[in-house]
Amino acid sequence: MTKSHAIGMSKKNAFKVDPTKAGGSLNTITVYADVAVGTVIKYAYLSSNSHFWEQPTNNPPTVAANTVTITAYCLRRRPEQSAMRVMSGGNDDGDLTVTLVYDDGAHEECDECVFELVEYDH
């Protein structure tokens, strides 16, 4: 059963895309999650219909004061999205789905949120 947790994301710069995972290309994502005190976030997963993401480098993620900090590499645009980008006139927007797995001590639950029109820096 999935509990209703409110989550949102703050990102003021475009996500860095780098298949080589060179220095400086690690993305830091801050997710705001309205979770109960004592709830442990065991895992964070990232996925996208427009880009390939490597799973977070800090699992379990860093949690403090209703914020979850996730660090991960965005590896490349999905091939079908490259063709769509050409047809749309070069738009670099994409999407990002953040899934958080919670453990309240009795069982695990998950919550996910899809962020649309996310900007990627190619």
Protein backbone atom coordinates (compact mmCIF):
# COMPACT_ATOMS: atom_id res chain seq x y z
CA MET A 1 0.00 0.00 0.00
CA THR A 2 1.39 3.38 -0.96
CA LYS A 3 0.97 6.20 1.52
CA SER A 4 0.27 9.66 0.25
CA HIS A 5 3.44 11.63 0.88
CA ALA A 6 3.89 15.08 -0.56
CA ILE A 7 7.14 15.38 -2.49
CA GLY A 8 8.54 18.14 -4.66
CA MET A 9 11.90 19.01 -6.16
CA SER A 10 14.07 22.09 -6.36
CA LYS A 11 16.57 22.42 -9.19
CA LYS A 12 17.70 25.80 -10.47
CA ASN A 13 20.22 24.58 -13.04
CA ALA A 14 19.91 22.10 -15.88
CA PHE A 15 20.88 18.51 -15.13
CA LYS A 16 24.36 17.66 -16.38
CA VAL A 17 24.53 14.80 -18.90
CA ASP A 18 27.86 12.97 -19.16
CA PRO A 19 28.34 9.29 -20.07
CA THR A 20 31.97 9.43 -18.85
CA LYS A 21 30.94 10.53 -15.34
CA ALA A 22 33.76 13.07 -15.33
CA GLY A 23 34.43 15.32 -12.36
CA GLY A 24 31.80 17.99 -11.96
CA SER A 25 29.05 16.06 -13.76
CA LEU A 26 27.44 14.55 -10.64
CA ASN A 27 23.93 15.97 -10.18
CA THR A 28 22.65 16.88 -6.72
CA ILE A 29 18.86 16.77 -6.44
CA THR A 30 17.01 18.03 -3.38
CA VAL A 31 13.58 16.48 -2.91
CA TYR A 32 11.19 17.89 -0.34
CA ALA A 33 9.24 15.06 1.30
CA ASP A 34 6.52 15.45 3.91
CA VAL A 35 7.24 12.26 5.86
CA ALA A 36 6.42 11.19 9.41
CA VAL A 37 9.10 11.52 12.07
CA GLY A 38 10.94 8.23 12.48
CA THR A 39 10.26 7.06 8.94
CA VAL A 40 13.44 5.88 7.24
CA ILE A 41 13.98 6.38 3.52
CA LYS A 42 15.88 3.25 2.52
CA TYR A 43 16.32 3.85 -1.21
CA ALA A 44 15.85 6.45 -3.88
CA TYR A 45 15.48 5.53 -7.54
CA LEU A 46 15.62 7.80 -10.57
CA SER A 47 14.12 7.06 -13.97
CA SER A 48 13.17 9.01 -17.05
CA ASN A 49 11.41 8.52 -20.35
CA SER A 50 13.84 10.94 -21.98
CA HIS A 51 17.24 10.10 -20.41
CA PHE A 52 19.22 7.22 -18.92
CA TRP A 53 20.13 7.76 -15.24
CA GLU A 54 22.58 5.78 -13.17
CA GLN A 55 21.08 4.92 -9.80
CA PRO A 56 21.99 7.31 -6.97
CA THR A 57 25.52 7.19 -5.60
CA ASN A 58 24.23 7.76 -2.07
CA ASN A 59 21.73 4.99 -1.29
CA PRO A 60 20.28 5.35 1.23
CA PRO A 61 19.92 9.05 0.45
CA THR A 62 20.81 11.81 2.89
CA VAL A 63 17.71 12.86 4.84
CA ALA A 64 17.39 16.02 6.98
CA ALA A 65 14.45 18.24 7.98
CA ASN A 66 12.00 16.84 5.40
CA THR A 67 14.54 17.07 2.60
CA VAL A 68 16.11 14.18 0.77
CA THR A 69 19.39 14.81 -1.03
CA ILE A 70 20.11 12.48 -3.94
CA THR A 71 23.29 12.46 -6.02
CA ALA A 72 23.37 10.68 -9.38
CA TYR A 73 24.77 10.79 -12.89
CA CYS A 74 22.62 11.34 -15.95
CA LEU A 75 24.36 9.25 -18.61
CA ARG A 76 22.71 10.14 -21.93
CA ARG A 77 19.52 10.94 -23.80
CA ARG A 78 17.43 7.97 -24.87
CA PRO A 79 17.84 7.38 -28.64
CA GLU A 80 14.16 7.85 -29.46
CA GLN A 81 14.27 11.20 -27.65
CA SER A 82 17.10 12.43 -29.89
CA ALA A 83 14.88 11.97 -32.95
CA MET A 84 11.97 13.71 -31.18
CA ARG A 85 14.30 16.59 -30.22
CA VAL A 86 15.17 17.20 -33.87
CA MET A 87 11.48 17.25 -34.79
CA SER A 88 10.66 19.67 -31.92
CA GLY A 89 13.27 22.22 -32.98
CA GLY A 90 15.96 21.36 -30.41
CA ASN A 91 14.01 21.45 -27.16
CA ASP A 92 16.18 20.04 -24.31
CA ASP A 93 13.29 19.46 -21.89
CA GLY A 94 12.68 15.98 -20.54
CA ASP A 95 11.22 14.31 -17.50
CA LEU A 96 12.43 12.76 -14.25
CA THR A 97 10.70 10.30 -11.93
CA VAL A 98 11.87 10.13 -8.32
CA THR A 99 10.84 7.04 -6.35
CA LEU A 100 11.41 6.92 -2.59
CA VAL A 101 11.17 3.66 -0.62
CA TYR A 102 10.17 4.21 3.02
CA ASP A 103 10.40 1.87 6.00
CA ASP A 104 8.17 2.71 8.96
CA GLY A 105 9.48 -0.24 10.99
CA ALA A 106 6.61 -2.56 10.10
CA HIS A 107 6.85 -2.67 6.31
CA GLU A 108 8.17 -0.85 3.24
CA GLU A 109 6.13 1.59 1.19
CA CYS A 110 7.03 3.62 -1.84
CA ASP A 111 6.10 6.97 -3.27
CA GLU A 112 6.96 8.38 -6.64
CA CYS A 113 6.56 11.68 -8.37
CA VAL A 114 7.05 12.55 -12.03
CA PHE A 115 8.57 15.92 -12.79
CA GLU A 116 7.84 17.06 -16.35
CA LEU A 117 9.68 19.64 -18.44
CA VAL A 118 12.96 19.07 -16.64
CA GLU A 119 15.87 20.84 -18.33
CA TYR A 120 18.96 18.85 -19.31
CA ASP A 121 22.32 20.38 -20.31
CA HIS A 122 23.79 18.54 -23.31
